[in-house]
Amino acid sequence: INSVFDEMTVLDNFGLALQAHQGHSFHFWSPVRNHRSLHQ
């Protein structure tokens, strides 16, 4: 059964997963597009 954040964009889903894995200290709900390396 799929377990994705339906109300978030594909980009933000990937960004959130990367953020969680990398243990970033910036704000949890800060858009991934605001963080260049994470965005790329």
PDB file of all heavy atoms in Angstrom:
ATOM      1  N   ILE A   1       0.862  -1.178   0.000  1.00  0.00           N
ATOM      2  CA  ILE A   1       0.000   0.000   0.000  1.00  0.00           C
ATOM      3  C   ILE A   1       0.898   1.227   0.000  1.00  0.00           C
ATOM      4  O   ILE A   1       1.795   1.357   0.832  1.00  0.00           O
ATOM      5  CB  ILE A   1      -0.926  -0.006   1.234  1.00  0.00           C
ATOM      6  CG1 ILE A   1      -1.858  -1.212   1.172  1.00  0.00           C
ATOM      7  CG2 ILE A   1      -1.708   1.292   1.321  1.00  0.00           C
ATOM      8  CD1 ILE A   1      -2.677  -1.441   2.418  1.00  0.00           C
ATOM      9  N   ASN A   2       0.667   2.116  -0.957  1.00  0.00           N
ATOM     10  CA  ASN A   2       1.503   3.307  -1.068  1.00  0.00           C
ATOM     11  C   ASN A   2       1.431   4.142   0.194  1.00  0.00           C
ATOM     12  O   ASN A   2       0.384   4.296   0.804  1.00  0.00           O
ATOM     13  CB  ASN A   2       1.055   4.163  -2.256  1.00  0.00           C
ATOM     14  CG  ASN A   2       1.377   3.511  -3.579  1.00  0.00           C
ATOM     15  OD1 ASN A   2       2.372   2.834  -3.715  1.00  0.00           O
ATOM     16  ND2 ASN A   2       0.527   3.733  -4.562  1.00  0.00           N
ATOM     17  N   SER A   3       2.576   4.690   0.560  1.00  0.00           N
ATOM     18  CA  SER A   3       2.667   5.536   1.737  1.00  0.00           C
ATOM     19  C   SER A   3       3.482   6.774   1.378  1.00  0.00           C
ATOM     20  O   SER A   3       4.669   6.846   1.656  1.00  0.00           O
ATOM     21  CB  SER A   3       3.328   4.760   2.879  1.00  0.00           C
ATOM     22  OG  SER A   3       3.411   5.561   4.021  1.00  0.00           O
ATOM     23  N   VAL A   4       2.826   7.711   0.707  1.00  0.00           N
ATOM     24  CA  VAL A   4       3.466   8.957   0.312  1.00  0.00           C
ATOM     25  C   VAL A   4       2.638  10.106   0.876  1.00  0.00           C
ATOM     26  O   VAL A   4       1.503   9.914   1.322  1.00  0.00           O
ATOM     27  CB  VAL A   4       3.588   9.076  -1.230  1.00  0.00           C
ATOM     28  CG1 VAL A   4       4.418   7.930  -1.795  1.00  0.00           C
ATOM     29  CG2 VAL A   4       2.230   9.118  -1.907  1.00  0.00           C
ATOM     30  N   PHE A   5       3.200  11.305   0.849  1.00  0.00           N
ATOM     31  CA  PHE A   5       2.471  12.479   1.309  1.00  0.00           C
ATOM     32  C   PHE A   5       1.679  13.023   0.125  1.00  0.00           C
ATOM     33  O   PHE A   5       2.197  13.792  -0.689  1.00  0.00           O
ATOM     34  CB  PHE A   5       3.429  13.528   1.869  1.00  0.00           C
ATOM     35  CG  PHE A   5       4.105  13.093   3.141  1.00  0.00           C
ATOM     36  CD1 PHE A   5       5.418  12.642   3.126  1.00  0.00           C
ATOM     37  CD2 PHE A   5       3.412  13.133   4.345  1.00  0.00           C
ATOM     38  CE1 PHE A   5       6.035  12.247   4.301  1.00  0.00           C
ATOM     39  CE2 PHE A   5       4.023  12.730   5.522  1.00  0.00           C
ATOM     40  CZ  PHE A   5       5.336  12.278   5.499  1.00  0.00           C
ATOM     41  N   ASP A   6       0.409  12.621   0.020  1.00  0.00           N
ATOM     42  CA  ASP A   6      -0.435  12.984  -1.117  1.00  0.00           C
ATOM     43  C   ASP A   6      -0.596  14.484  -1.296  1.00  0.00           C
ATOM     44  O   ASP A   6      -0.737  14.962  -2.418  1.00  0.00           O
ATOM     45  CB  ASP A   6      -1.829  12.362  -0.970  1.00  0.00           C
ATOM     46  CG  ASP A   6      -1.847  10.865  -1.262  1.00  0.00           C
ATOM     47  OD1 ASP A   6      -0.936  10.382  -1.962  1.00  0.00           O
ATOM     48  OD2 ASP A   6      -2.796  10.191  -0.811  1.00  0.00           O
ATOM     49  N   GLU A   7      -0.589  15.242  -0.225  1.00  0.00           N
ATOM     50  CA  GLU A   7      -0.830  16.688  -0.286  1.00  0.00           C
ATOM     51  C   GLU A   7       0.450  17.489  -0.495  1.00  0.00           C
ATOM     52  O   GLU A   7       0.442  18.715  -0.392  1.00  0.00           O
ATOM     53  CB  GLU A   7      -1.544  17.156   0.988  1.00  0.00           C
ATOM     54  CG  GLU A   7      -2.880  16.467   1.228  1.00  0.00           C
ATOM     55  CD  GLU A   7      -3.876  16.693   0.096  1.00  0.00           C
ATOM     56  OE1 GLU A   7      -3.965  17.826  -0.418  1.00  0.00           O
ATOM     57  OE2 GLU A   7      -4.557  15.728  -0.292  1.00  0.00           O
ATOM     58  N   MET A   8       1.544  16.792  -0.775  1.00  0.00           N
ATOM     59  CA  MET A   8       2.817  17.459  -1.063  1.00  0.00           C
ATOM     60  C   MET A   8       3.228  17.133  -2.488  1.00  0.00           C
ATOM     61  O   MET A   8       2.825  16.108  -3.044  1.00  0.00           O
ATOM     62  CB  MET A   8       3.901  16.985  -0.087  1.00  0.00           C
ATOM     63  CG  MET A   8       3.656  17.415   1.350  1.00  0.00           C
ATOM     64  SD  MET A   8       4.851  16.708   2.504  1.00  0.00           S
ATOM     65  CE  MET A   8       6.344  17.523   1.995  1.00  0.00           C
ATOM     66  N   THR A   9       4.075  17.974  -3.077  1.00  0.00           N
ATOM     67  CA  THR A   9       4.561  17.698  -4.427  1.00  0.00           C
ATOM     68  C   THR A   9       5.536  16.532  -4.405  1.00  0.00           C
ATOM     69  O   THR A   9       6.065  16.159  -3.349  1.00  0.00           O
ATOM     70  CB  THR A   9       5.282  18.928  -5.022  1.00  0.00           C
ATOM     71  OG1 THR A   9       6.470  19.169  -4.262  1.00  0.00           O
ATOM     72  CG2 THR A   9       4.378  20.150  -5.070  1.00  0.00           C
ATOM     73  N   VAL A  10       5.785  15.994  -5.579  1.00  0.00           N
ATOM     74  CA  VAL A  10       6.783  14.928  -5.721  1.00  0.00           C
ATOM     75  C   VAL A  10       8.139  15.442  -5.231  1.00  0.00           C
ATOM     76  O   VAL A  10       8.839  14.765  -4.471  1.00  0.00           O
ATOM     77  CB  VAL A  10       6.863  14.454  -7.193  1.00  0.00           C
ATOM     78  CG1 VAL A  10       8.069  13.569  -7.428  1.00  0.00           C
ATOM     79  CG2 VAL A  10       5.566  13.728  -7.574  1.00  0.00           C
ATOM     80  N   LEU A  11       8.490  16.660  -5.628  1.00  0.00           N
ATOM     81  CA  LEU A  11       9.755  17.261  -5.207  1.00  0.00           C
ATOM     82  C   LEU A  11       9.845  17.347  -3.683  1.00  0.00           C
ATOM     83  O   LEU A  11      10.863  16.981  -3.089  1.00  0.00           O
ATOM     84  CB  LEU A  11       9.899  18.660  -5.817  1.00  0.00           C
ATOM     85  CG  LEU A  11      11.153  19.428  -5.433  1.00  0.00           C
ATOM     86  CD1 LEU A  11      12.400  18.732  -5.976  1.00  0.00           C
ATOM     87  CD2 LEU A  11      11.075  20.855  -5.936  1.00  0.00           C
ATOM     88  N   ASP A  12       8.776  17.804  -3.046  1.00  0.00           N
ATOM     89  CA  ASP A  12       8.789  17.938  -1.589  1.00  0.00           C
ATOM     90  C   ASP A  12       8.795  16.578  -0.890  1.00  0.00           C
ATOM     91  O   ASP A  12       9.397  16.436   0.171  1.00  0.00           O
ATOM     92  CB  ASP A  12       7.629  18.799  -1.117  1.00  0.00           C
ATOM     93  CG  ASP A  12       7.826  20.273  -1.440  1.00  0.00           C
ATOM     94  OD1 ASP A  12       8.988  20.692  -1.617  1.00  0.00           O
ATOM     95  OD2 ASP A  12       6.828  21.005  -1.526  1.00  0.00           O
ATOM     96  N   ASN A  13       8.161  15.564  -1.468  1.00  0.00           N
ATOM     97  CA  ASN A  13       8.236  14.211  -0.917  1.00  0.00           C
ATOM     98  C   ASN A  13       9.684  13.732  -0.899  1.00  0.00           C
ATOM     99  O   ASN A  13      10.182  13.259   0.113  1.00  0.00           O
ATOM    100  CB  ASN A  13       7.380  13.247  -1.734  1.00  0.00           C
ATOM    101  CG  ASN A  13       5.988  13.064  -1.202  1.00  0.00           C
ATOM    102  OD1 ASN A  13       5.732  12.193  -0.382  1.00  0.00           O
ATOM    103  ND2 ASN A  13       5.064  13.899  -1.678  1.00  0.00           N
ATOM    104  N   PHE A  14      10.365  13.872  -2.039  1.00  0.00           N
ATOM    105  CA  PHE A  14      11.769  13.458  -2.107  1.00  0.00           C
ATOM    106  C   PHE A  14      12.630  14.296  -1.162  1.00  0.00           C
ATOM    107  O   PHE A  14      13.490  13.762  -0.460  1.00  0.00           O
ATOM    108  CB  PHE A  14      12.310  13.569  -3.535  1.00  0.00           C
ATOM    109  CG  PHE A  14      11.953  12.404  -4.415  1.00  0.00           C
ATOM    110  CD1 PHE A  14      11.322  12.614  -5.631  1.00  0.00           C
ATOM    111  CD2 PHE A  14      12.262  11.105  -4.050  1.00  0.00           C
ATOM    112  CE1 PHE A  14      10.992  11.546  -6.456  1.00  0.00           C
ATOM    113  CE2 PHE A  14      11.945  10.031  -4.864  1.00  0.00           C
ATOM    114  CZ  PHE A  14      11.313  10.241  -6.074  1.00  0.00           C
ATOM    115  N   GLY A  15      12.379  15.598  -1.130  1.00  0.00           N
ATOM    116  CA  GLY A  15      13.154  16.469  -0.257  1.00  0.00           C
ATOM    117  C   GLY A  15      13.002  16.121   1.207  1.00  0.00           C
ATOM    118  O   GLY A  15      13.977  16.104   1.967  1.00  0.00           O
ATOM    119  N   LEU A  16      11.791  15.799   1.616  1.00  0.00           N
ATOM    120  CA  LEU A  16      11.539  15.433   3.003  1.00  0.00           C
ATOM    121  C   LEU A  16      12.250  14.133   3.369  1.00  0.00           C
ATOM    122  O   LEU A  16      12.847  14.019   4.444  1.00  0.00           O
ATOM    123  CB  LEU A  16      10.031  15.308   3.247  1.00  0.00           C
ATOM    124  CG  LEU A  16       9.582  15.131   4.685  1.00  0.00           C
ATOM    125  CD1 LEU A  16      10.039  16.309   5.549  1.00  0.00           C
ATOM    126  CD2 LEU A  16       8.079  14.992   4.744  1.00  0.00           C
ATOM    127  N   ALA A  17      12.225  13.165   2.453  1.00  0.00           N
ATOM    128  CA  ALA A  17      12.922  11.892   2.701  1.00  0.00           C
ATOM    129  C   ALA A  17      14.428  12.115   2.818  1.00  0.00           C
ATOM    130  O   ALA A  17      15.083  11.566   3.707  1.00  0.00           O
ATOM    131  CB  ALA A  17      12.616  10.898   1.587  1.00  0.00           C
ATOM    132  N   LEU A  18      14.972  12.930   1.938  1.00  0.00           N
ATOM    133  CA  LEU A  18      16.407  13.235   1.993  1.00  0.00           C
ATOM    134  C   LEU A  18      16.756  13.987   3.262  1.00  0.00           C
ATOM    135  O   LEU A  18      17.762  13.698   3.920  1.00  0.00           O
ATOM    136  CB  LEU A  18      16.817  14.046   0.758  1.00  0.00           C
ATOM    137  CG  LEU A  18      16.815  13.287  -0.561  1.00  0.00           C
ATOM    138  CD1 LEU A  18      16.849  14.252  -1.737  1.00  0.00           C
ATOM    139  CD2 LEU A  18      17.982  12.309  -0.617  1.00  0.00           C
ATOM    140  N   GLN A  19      15.912  14.938   3.618  1.00  0.00           N
ATOM    141  CA  GLN A  19      16.133  15.723   4.832  1.00  0.00           C
ATOM    142  C   GLN A  19      16.139  14.819   6.060  1.00  0.00           C
ATOM    143  O   GLN A  19      17.000  14.937   6.922  1.00  0.00           O
ATOM    144  CB  GLN A  19      15.042  16.776   4.955  1.00  0.00           C
ATOM    145  CG  GLN A  19      15.129  17.632   6.196  1.00  0.00           C
ATOM    146  CD  GLN A  19      13.972  18.614   6.285  1.00  0.00           C
ATOM    147  OE1 GLN A  19      13.283  18.864   5.314  1.00  0.00           O
ATOM    148  NE2 GLN A  19      13.751  19.153   7.464  1.00  0.00           N
ATOM    149  N   ALA A  20      15.197  13.910   6.131  1.00  0.00           N
ATOM    150  CA  ALA A  20      15.109  12.998   7.276  1.00  0.00           C
ATOM    151  C   ALA A  20      16.347  12.113   7.356  1.00  0.00           C
ATOM    152  O   ALA A  20      16.898  11.898   8.440  1.00  0.00           O
ATOM    153  CB  ALA A  20      13.856  12.141   7.165  1.00  0.00           C
ATOM    154  N   HIS A  21      16.789  11.612   6.216  1.00  0.00           N
ATOM    155  CA  HIS A  21      17.956  10.719   6.208  1.00  0.00           C
ATOM    156  C   HIS A  21      19.234  11.463   6.575  1.00  0.00           C
ATOM    157  O   HIS A  21      20.073  10.944   7.299  1.00  0.00           O
ATOM    158  CB  HIS A  21      18.121  10.062   4.839  1.00  0.00           C
ATOM    159  CG  HIS A  21      19.353   9.214   4.752  1.00  0.00           C
ATOM    160  ND1 HIS A  21      19.484   8.033   5.451  1.00  0.00           N
ATOM    161  CD2 HIS A  21      20.506   9.383   4.088  1.00  0.00           C
ATOM    162  CE1 HIS A  21      20.666   7.514   5.204  1.00  0.00           C
ATOM    163  NE2 HIS A  21      21.315   8.320   4.381  1.00  0.00           N
ATOM    164  N   GLN A  22      19.363  12.686   6.099  1.00  0.00           N
ATOM    165  CA  GLN A  22      20.585  13.445   6.327  1.00  0.00           C
ATOM    166  C   GLN A  22      20.606  14.153   7.672  1.00  0.00           C
ATOM    167  O   GLN A  22      21.624  14.690   8.081  1.00  0.00           O
ATOM    168  CB  GLN A  22      20.794  14.450   5.192  1.00  0.00           C
ATOM    169  CG  GLN A  22      21.031  13.769   3.861  1.00  0.00           C
ATOM    170  CD  GLN A  22      21.072  14.748   2.701  1.00  0.00           C
ATOM    171  OE1 GLN A  22      21.072  15.963   2.894  1.00  0.00           O
ATOM    172  NE2 GLN A  22      21.101  14.226   1.497  1.00  0.00           N
ATOM    173  N   GLY A  23      19.458  14.161   8.356  1.00  0.00           N
ATOM    174  CA  GLY A  23      19.395  14.766   9.687  1.00  0.00           C
ATOM    175  C   GLY A  23      19.589  16.270   9.691  1.00  0.00           C
ATOM    176  O   GLY A  23      20.201  16.818  10.585  1.00  0.00           O
ATOM    177  N   HIS A  24      19.050  16.949   8.677  1.00  0.00           N
ATOM    178  CA  HIS A  24      19.173  18.403   8.629  1.00  0.00           C
ATOM    179  C   HIS A  24      18.551  19.035   9.867  1.00  0.00           C
ATOM    180  O   HIS A  24      17.551  18.559  10.385  1.00  0.00           O
ATOM    181  CB  HIS A  24      18.463  18.965   7.385  1.00  0.00           C
ATOM    182  CG  HIS A  24      19.274  18.835   6.147  1.00  0.00           C
ATOM    183  ND1 HIS A  24      20.302  19.676   5.847  1.00  0.00           N
ATOM    184  CD2 HIS A  24      19.212  17.926   5.139  1.00  0.00           C
ATOM    185  CE1 HIS A  24      20.841  19.314   4.696  1.00  0.00           C
ATOM    186  NE2 HIS A  24      20.196  18.259   4.247  1.00  0.00           N
ATOM    187  N   SER A  25      19.130  20.136  10.291  1.00  0.00           N
ATOM    188  CA  SER A  25      18.624  20.827  11.467  1.00  0.00           C
ATOM    189  C   SER A  25      17.660  21.949  11.106  1.00  0.00           C
ATOM    190  O   SER A  25      17.071  22.556  11.979  1.00  0.00           O
ATOM    191  CB  SER A  25      19.787  21.398  12.281  1.00  0.00           C
ATOM    192  OG  SER A  25      20.513  22.316  11.481  1.00  0.00           O
ATOM    193  N   PHE A  26      17.495  22.258   9.793  1.00  0.00           N
ATOM    194  CA  PHE A  26      16.575  23.343   9.452  1.00  0.00           C
ATOM    195  C   PHE A  26      15.130  22.908   9.649  1.00  0.00           C
ATOM    196  O   PHE A  26      14.827  21.739   9.787  1.00  0.00           O
ATOM    197  CB  PHE A  26      16.824  23.895   8.050  1.00  0.00           C
ATOM    198  CG  PHE A  26      16.913  22.867   6.954  1.00  0.00           C
ATOM    199  CD1 PHE A  26      15.789  22.316   6.381  1.00  0.00           C
ATOM    200  CD2 PHE A  26      18.157  22.474   6.487  1.00  0.00           C
ATOM    201  CE1 PHE A  26      15.875  21.390   5.370  1.00  0.00           C
ATOM    202  CE2 PHE A  26      18.255  21.537   5.473  1.00  0.00           C
ATOM    203  CZ  PHE A  26      17.111  20.997   4.913  1.00  0.00           C
ATOM    204  N   HIS A  27      14.254  23.875   9.655  1.00  0.00           N
ATOM    205  CA  HIS A  27      12.852  23.654   9.986  1.00  0.00           C
ATOM    206  C   HIS A  27      12.225  22.560   9.130  1.00  0.00           C
ATOM    207  O   HIS A  27      12.348  22.561   7.913  1.00  0.00           O
ATOM    208  CB  HIS A  27      12.075  24.975   9.819  1.00  0.00           C
ATOM    209  CG  HIS A  27      10.703  24.917  10.383  1.00  0.00           C
ATOM    210  ND1 HIS A  27       9.621  24.546   9.637  1.00  0.00           N
ATOM    211  CD2 HIS A  27      10.254  25.155  11.626  1.00  0.00           C
ATOM    212  CE1 HIS A  27       8.537  24.571  10.390  1.00  0.00           C
ATOM    213  NE2 HIS A  27       8.897  24.945  11.602  1.00  0.00           N
ATOM    214  N   PHE A  28      11.530  21.628   9.759  1.00  0.00           N
ATOM    215  CA  PHE A  28      10.911  20.462   9.121  1.00  0.00           C
ATOM    216  C   PHE A  28      10.042  20.835   7.930  1.00  0.00           C
ATOM    217  O   PHE A  28      10.067  20.186   6.901  1.00  0.00           O
ATOM    218  CB  PHE A  28      10.098  19.711  10.179  1.00  0.00           C
ATOM    219  CG  PHE A  28       9.385  18.494   9.669  1.00  0.00           C
ATOM    220  CD1 PHE A  28      10.082  17.319   9.445  1.00  0.00           C
ATOM    221  CD2 PHE A  28       8.028  18.510   9.419  1.00  0.00           C
ATOM    222  CE1 PHE A  28       9.440  16.181   8.989  1.00  0.00           C
ATOM    223  CE2 PHE A  28       7.373  17.382   8.958  1.00  0.00           C
ATOM    224  CZ  PHE A  28       8.090  16.216   8.749  1.00  0.00           C
ATOM    225  N   TRP A  29       9.247  21.896   8.052  1.00  0.00           N
ATOM    226  CA  TRP A  29       8.295  22.241   6.987  1.00  0.00           C
ATOM    227  C   TRP A  29       8.846  23.289   6.023  1.00  0.00           C
ATOM    228  O   TRP A  29       8.131  23.793   5.184  1.00  0.00           O
ATOM    229  CB  TRP A  29       6.972  22.711   7.581  1.00  0.00           C
ATOM    230  CG  TRP A  29       6.254  21.581   8.235  1.00  0.00           C
ATOM    231  CD1 TRP A  29       6.020  21.431   9.567  1.00  0.00           C
ATOM    232  CD2 TRP A  29       5.706  20.419   7.602  1.00  0.00           C
ATOM    233  NE1 TRP A  29       5.366  20.255   9.806  1.00  0.00           N
ATOM    234  CE2 TRP A  29       5.157  19.613   8.610  1.00  0.00           C
ATOM    235  CE3 TRP A  29       5.636  19.972   6.290  1.00  0.00           C
ATOM    236  CZ2 TRP A  29       4.544  18.396   8.359  1.00  0.00           C
ATOM    237  CZ3 TRP A  29       5.019  18.763   6.035  1.00  0.00           C
ATOM    238  CH2 TRP A  29       4.485  17.994   7.053  1.00  0.00           C
ATOM    239  N   SER A  30      10.104  23.595   6.137  1.00  0.00           N
ATOM    240  CA  SER A  30      10.715  24.541   5.203  1.00  0.00           C
ATOM    241  C   SER A  30      10.772  23.901   3.821  1.00  0.00           C
ATOM    242  O   SER A  30      11.268  22.782   3.677  1.00  0.00           O
ATOM    243  CB  SER A  30      12.125  24.871   5.689  1.00  0.00           C
ATOM    244  OG  SER A  30      12.759  25.760   4.814  1.00  0.00           O
ATOM    245  N   PRO A  31      10.255  24.572   2.790  1.00  0.00           N
ATOM    246  CA  PRO A  31      10.213  23.964   1.452  1.00  0.00           C
ATOM    247  C   PRO A  31      11.592  23.564   0.947  1.00  0.00           C
ATOM    248  O   PRO A  31      12.556  24.308   1.103  1.00  0.00           O
ATOM    249  CB  PRO A  31       9.614  25.069   0.576  1.00  0.00           C
ATOM    250  CG  PRO A  31       8.909  25.978   1.514  1.00  0.00           C
ATOM    251  CD  PRO A  31       9.682  25.908   2.810  1.00  0.00           C
ATOM    252  N   VAL A  32      11.668  22.416   0.330  1.00  0.00           N
ATOM    253  CA  VAL A  32      12.928  21.896  -0.182  1.00  0.00           C
ATOM    254  C   VAL A  32      13.532  22.835  -1.215  1.00  0.00           C
ATOM    255  O   VAL A  32      14.744  22.951  -1.328  1.00  0.00           O
ATOM    256  CB  VAL A  32      12.743  20.469  -0.746  1.00  0.00           C
ATOM    257  CG1 VAL A  32      11.871  20.479  -1.982  1.00  0.00           C
ATOM    258  CG2 VAL A  32      14.088  19.833  -1.070  1.00  0.00           C
ATOM    259  N   ARG A  33      12.694  23.538  -1.965  1.00  0.00           N
ATOM    260  CA  ARG A  33      13.213  24.440  -3.010  1.00  0.00           C
ATOM    261  C   ARG A  33      14.022  25.591  -2.419  1.00  0.00           C
ATOM    262  O   ARG A  33      14.760  26.253  -3.125  1.00  0.00           O
ATOM    263  CB  ARG A  33      12.079  24.934  -3.901  1.00  0.00           C
ATOM    264  CG  ARG A  33      10.995  25.682  -3.199  1.00  0.00           C
ATOM    265  CD  ARG A  33       9.782  25.904  -4.108  1.00  0.00           C
ATOM    266  NE  ARG A  33       8.555  26.019  -3.351  1.00  0.00           N
ATOM    267  CZ  ARG A  33       7.822  25.010  -2.915  1.00  0.00           C
ATOM    268  NH1 ARG A  33       8.187  23.786  -3.172  1.00  0.00           N
ATOM    269  NH2 ARG A  33       6.728  25.207  -2.228  1.00  0.00           N
ATOM    270  N   ASN A  34      13.889  25.849  -1.094  1.00  0.00           N
ATOM    271  CA  ASN A  34      14.653  26.912  -0.445  1.00  0.00           C
ATOM    272  C   ASN A  34      16.071  26.482  -0.074  1.00  0.00           C
ATOM    273  O   ASN A  34      16.842  27.290   0.420  1.00  0.00           O
ATOM    274  CB  ASN A  34      13.933  27.391   0.827  1.00  0.00           C
ATOM    275  CG  ASN A  34      12.624  28.092   0.507  1.00  0.00           C
ATOM    276  OD1 ASN A  34      12.359  28.448  -0.640  1.00  0.00           O
ATOM    277  ND2 ASN A  34      11.799  28.270   1.522  1.00  0.00           N
ATOM    278  N   HIS A  35      16.398  25.231  -0.277  1.00  0.00           N
ATOM    279  CA  HIS A  35      17.709  24.697   0.105  1.00  0.00           C
ATOM    280  C   HIS A  35      18.351  24.062  -1.132  1.00  0.00           C
ATOM    281  O   HIS A  35      18.018  22.952  -1.513  1.00  0.00           O
ATOM    282  CB  HIS A  35      17.562  23.678   1.232  1.00  0.00           C
ATOM    283  CG  HIS A  35      16.813  24.245   2.399  1.00  0.00           C
ATOM    284  ND1 HIS A  35      17.428  25.021   3.354  1.00  0.00           N
ATOM    285  CD2 HIS A  35      15.499  24.198   2.735  1.00  0.00           C
ATOM    286  CE1 HIS A  35      16.519  25.417   4.231  1.00  0.00           C
ATOM    287  NE2 HIS A  35      15.346  24.925   3.888  1.00  0.00           N
ATOM    288  N   ARG A  36      19.291  24.795  -1.741  1.00  0.00           N
ATOM    289  CA  ARG A  36      19.851  24.402  -3.035  1.00  0.00           C
ATOM    290  C   ARG A  36      20.363  22.972  -3.116  1.00  0.00           C
ATOM    291  O   ARG A  36      20.025  22.243  -4.035  1.00  0.00           O
ATOM    292  CB  ARG A  36      20.979  25.349  -3.427  1.00  0.00           C
ATOM    293  CG  ARG A  36      20.512  26.555  -4.129  1.00  0.00           C
ATOM    294  CD  ARG A  36      21.717  27.384  -4.531  1.00  0.00           C
ATOM    295  NE  ARG A  36      21.347  28.771  -4.468  1.00  0.00           N
ATOM    296  CZ  ARG A  36      21.018  29.478  -5.522  1.00  0.00           C
ATOM    297  NH1 ARG A  36      21.064  28.950  -6.698  1.00  0.00           N
ATOM    298  NH2 ARG A  36      20.657  30.728  -5.386  1.00  0.00           N
ATOM    299  N   SER A  37      21.213  22.559  -2.190  1.00  0.00           N
ATOM    300  CA  SER A  37      21.809  21.215  -2.299  1.00  0.00           C
ATOM    301  C   SER A  37      20.737  20.141  -2.141  1.00  0.00           C
ATOM    302  O   SER A  37      20.741  19.145  -2.865  1.00  0.00           O
ATOM    303  CB  SER A  37      22.928  21.016  -1.282  1.00  0.00           C
ATOM    304  OG  SER A  37      22.413  20.956   0.029  1.00  0.00           O
ATOM    305  N   LEU A  38      19.828  20.348  -1.214  1.00  0.00           N
ATOM    306  CA  LEU A  38      18.740  19.388  -1.010  1.00  0.00           C
ATOM    307  C   LEU A  38      17.818  19.375  -2.225  1.00  0.00           C
ATOM    308  O   LEU A  38      17.397  18.306  -2.678  1.00  0.00           O
ATOM    309  CB  LEU A  38      17.962  19.756   0.255  1.00  0.00           C
ATOM    310  CG  LEU A  38      17.013  18.710   0.805  1.00  0.00           C
ATOM    311  CD1 LEU A  38      17.758  17.436   1.159  1.00  0.00           C
ATOM    312  CD2 LEU A  38      16.300  19.252   2.030  1.00  0.00           C
ATOM    313  N   HIS A  39      17.539  20.532  -2.776  1.00  0.00           N
ATOM    314  CA  HIS A  39      16.696  20.641  -3.968  1.00  0.00           C
ATOM    315  C   HIS A  39      17.312  19.847  -5.121  1.00  0.00           C
ATOM    316  O   HIS A  39      16.623  19.067  -5.778  1.00  0.00           O
ATOM    317  CB  HIS A  39      16.517  22.112  -4.354  1.00  0.00           C
ATOM    318  CG  HIS A  39      15.704  22.302  -5.586  1.00  0.00           C
ATOM    319  ND1 HIS A  39      16.261  22.343  -6.836  1.00  0.00           N
ATOM    320  CD2 HIS A  39      14.360  22.447  -5.760  1.00  0.00           C
ATOM    321  CE1 HIS A  39      15.306  22.514  -7.738  1.00  0.00           C
ATOM    322  NE2 HIS A  39      14.144  22.577  -7.108  1.00  0.00           N
ATOM    323  N   GLN A  40      18.606  20.024  -5.356  1.00  0.00           N
ATOM    324  CA  GLN A  40      19.251  19.328  -6.470  1.00  0.00           C
ATOM    325  C   GLN A  40      19.258  17.821  -6.251  1.00  0.00           C
ATOM    326  O   GLN A  40      19.033  17.047  -7.175  1.00  0.00           O
ATOM    327  CB  GLN A  40      20.681  19.845  -6.689  1.00  0.00           C
ATOM    328  CG  GLN A  40      21.313  19.302  -7.955  1.00  0.00           C
ATOM    329  CD  GLN A  40      20.475  19.598  -9.203  1.00  0.00           C
ATOM    330  OE1 GLN A  40      20.106  20.744  -9.459  1.00  0.00           O
ATOM    331  NE2 GLN A  40      20.140  18.558  -9.962  1.00  0.00           N
TER     332      GLN A  40
END
